[in-house]
Amino acid sequence: MREAEFTISYRGQPVIVNVTHARVRLDLPPSTADPIRVSVEGIERVLDAGGCWEVPLTSSTGTVAISAR
């Protein structure tokens, strides 16, 4: 498989996760949901509704975590 995409819902905020061998992209559609804290490859960022973040994967066991702000 070259690419996988799926949507999860976290605290009322849909999160579209797109993964390839080289990167992870997180897209948050516009909504009234609160910002969420995400972590990819140990790098943390707070994403607002309508935001997106693309991170290169540096290892074959890349990690993605989503938590409350």
C-alpha atoms as a PDB file:
ATOM      1  CA  MET A   1       0.000   0.000   0.000  1.00  0.00           C
ATOM      2  CA  ARG A   2       1.428   3.372  -0.967  1.00  0.00           C
ATOM      3  CA  GLU A   3      -1.020   5.594   0.891  1.00  0.00           C
ATOM      4  CA  ALA A   4      -3.737   5.363   3.532  1.00  0.00           C
ATOM      5  CA  GLU A   5      -6.351   7.952   4.458  1.00  0.00           C
ATOM      6  CA  PHE A   6      -8.946   7.825   7.195  1.00  0.00           C
ATOM      7  CA  THR A   7     -10.985  10.200   9.348  1.00  0.00           C
ATOM      8  CA  ILE A   8     -11.286  10.107  13.112  1.00  0.00           C
ATOM      9  CA  SER A   9     -13.323  12.300  15.426  1.00  0.00           C
ATOM     10  CA  TYR A  10     -11.601  13.715  18.491  1.00  0.00           C
ATOM     11  CA  ARG A  11     -13.636  15.815  20.941  1.00  0.00           C
ATOM     12  CA  GLY A  12     -16.033  16.793  18.182  1.00  0.00           C
ATOM     13  CA  GLN A  13     -13.258  17.735  15.738  1.00  0.00           C
ATOM     14  CA  PRO A  14     -12.936  15.589  12.608  1.00  0.00           C
ATOM     15  CA  VAL A  15      -9.284  14.801  11.807  1.00  0.00           C
ATOM     16  CA  ILE A  16      -8.402  13.547   8.332  1.00  0.00           C
ATOM     17  CA  VAL A  17      -5.187  11.512   8.539  1.00  0.00           C
ATOM     18  CA  ASN A  18      -3.261  10.813   5.324  1.00  0.00           C
ATOM     19  CA  VAL A  19      -0.158   8.621   5.584  1.00  0.00           C
ATOM     20  CA  THR A  20       2.475   7.662   3.023  1.00  0.00           C
ATOM     21  CA  HIS A  21       5.866   6.039   3.520  1.00  0.00           C
ATOM     22  CA  ALA A  22       7.405   9.523   3.563  1.00  0.00           C
ATOM     23  CA  ARG A  23       4.977  11.733   5.497  1.00  0.00           C
ATOM     24  CA  VAL A  24       1.872  12.203   7.647  1.00  0.00           C
ATOM     25  CA  ARG A  25      -0.654  14.912   6.853  1.00  0.00           C
ATOM     26  CA  LEU A  26      -3.359  15.968   9.312  1.00  0.00           C
ATOM     27  CA  ASP A  27      -6.273  18.076   8.047  1.00  0.00           C
ATOM     28  CA  LEU A  28      -8.919  19.584  10.308  1.00  0.00           C
ATOM     29  CA  PRO A  29     -11.999  20.749   8.399  1.00  0.00           C
ATOM     30  CA  PRO A  30     -13.462  24.131   9.397  1.00  0.00           C
ATOM     31  CA  SER A  31     -15.731  23.793  12.438  1.00  0.00           C
ATOM     32  CA  THR A  32     -16.484  25.375  15.799  1.00  0.00           C
ATOM     33  CA  ALA A  33     -14.547  22.682  17.703  1.00  0.00           C
ATOM     34  CA  ASP A  34     -11.763  23.655  20.106  1.00  0.00           C
ATOM     35  CA  PRO A  35      -8.118  23.402  18.987  1.00  0.00           C
ATOM     36  CA  ILE A  36      -6.413  20.058  19.561  1.00  0.00           C
ATOM     37  CA  ARG A  37      -2.823  19.148  20.407  1.00  0.00           C
ATOM     38  CA  VAL A  38      -1.184  16.684  18.037  1.00  0.00           C
ATOM     39  CA  SER A  39       2.214  15.030  18.036  1.00  0.00           C
ATOM     40  CA  VAL A  40       3.937  13.484  15.022  1.00  0.00           C
ATOM     41  CA  GLU A  41       7.416  11.994  15.329  1.00  0.00           C
ATOM     42  CA  GLY A  42       7.712  13.601  18.775  1.00  0.00           C
ATOM     43  CA  ILE A  43       6.985  17.111  17.444  1.00  0.00           C
ATOM     44  CA  GLU A  44       3.954  18.760  19.049  1.00  0.00           C
ATOM     45  CA  ARG A  45       1.660  21.346  17.547  1.00  0.00           C
ATOM     46  CA  VAL A  46      -1.759  22.808  18.357  1.00  0.00           C
ATOM     47  CA  LEU A  47      -4.088  22.735  15.370  1.00  0.00           C
ATOM     48  CA  ASP A  48      -7.186  24.865  15.004  1.00  0.00           C
ATOM     49  CA  ALA A  49     -10.243  23.875  13.001  1.00  0.00           C
ATOM     50  CA  GLY A  50      -9.497  24.503   9.322  1.00  0.00           C
ATOM     51  CA  GLY A  51      -5.774  23.879   9.807  1.00  0.00           C
ATOM     52  CA  CYS A  52      -3.458  21.282   8.374  1.00  0.00           C
ATOM     53  CA  TRP A  53       0.026  20.017   9.167  1.00  0.00           C
ATOM     54  CA  GLU A  54       2.323  17.835   7.094  1.00  0.00           C
ATOM     55  CA  VAL A  55       5.319  16.157   8.709  1.00  0.00           C
ATOM     56  CA  PRO A  56       8.049  14.081   7.050  1.00  0.00           C
ATOM     57  CA  LEU A  57       8.468  10.645   8.621  1.00  0.00           C
ATOM     58  CA  THR A  58      12.009  10.032   9.788  1.00  0.00           C
ATOM     59  CA  SER A  59      11.627   6.401  10.829  1.00  0.00           C
ATOM     60  CA  SER A  60       9.697   3.331   9.740  1.00  0.00           C
ATOM     61  CA  THR A  61       7.848   3.364  13.071  1.00  0.00           C
ATOM     62  CA  GLY A  62       6.594   6.963  13.018  1.00  0.00           C
ATOM     63  CA  THR A  63       4.135   7.890  15.746  1.00  0.00           C
ATOM     64  CA  VAL A  64       1.064  10.109  15.735  1.00  0.00           C
ATOM     65  CA  ALA A  65      -0.735  11.186  18.929  1.00  0.00           C
ATOM     66  CA  ILE A  66      -3.729  13.452  19.493  1.00  0.00           C
ATOM     67  CA  SER A  67      -4.604  14.880  22.900  1.00  0.00           C
ATOM     68  CA  ALA A  68      -6.676  17.583  24.551  1.00  0.00           C
ATOM     69  CA  ARG A  69      -5.171  21.035  24.537  1.00  0.00           C
END
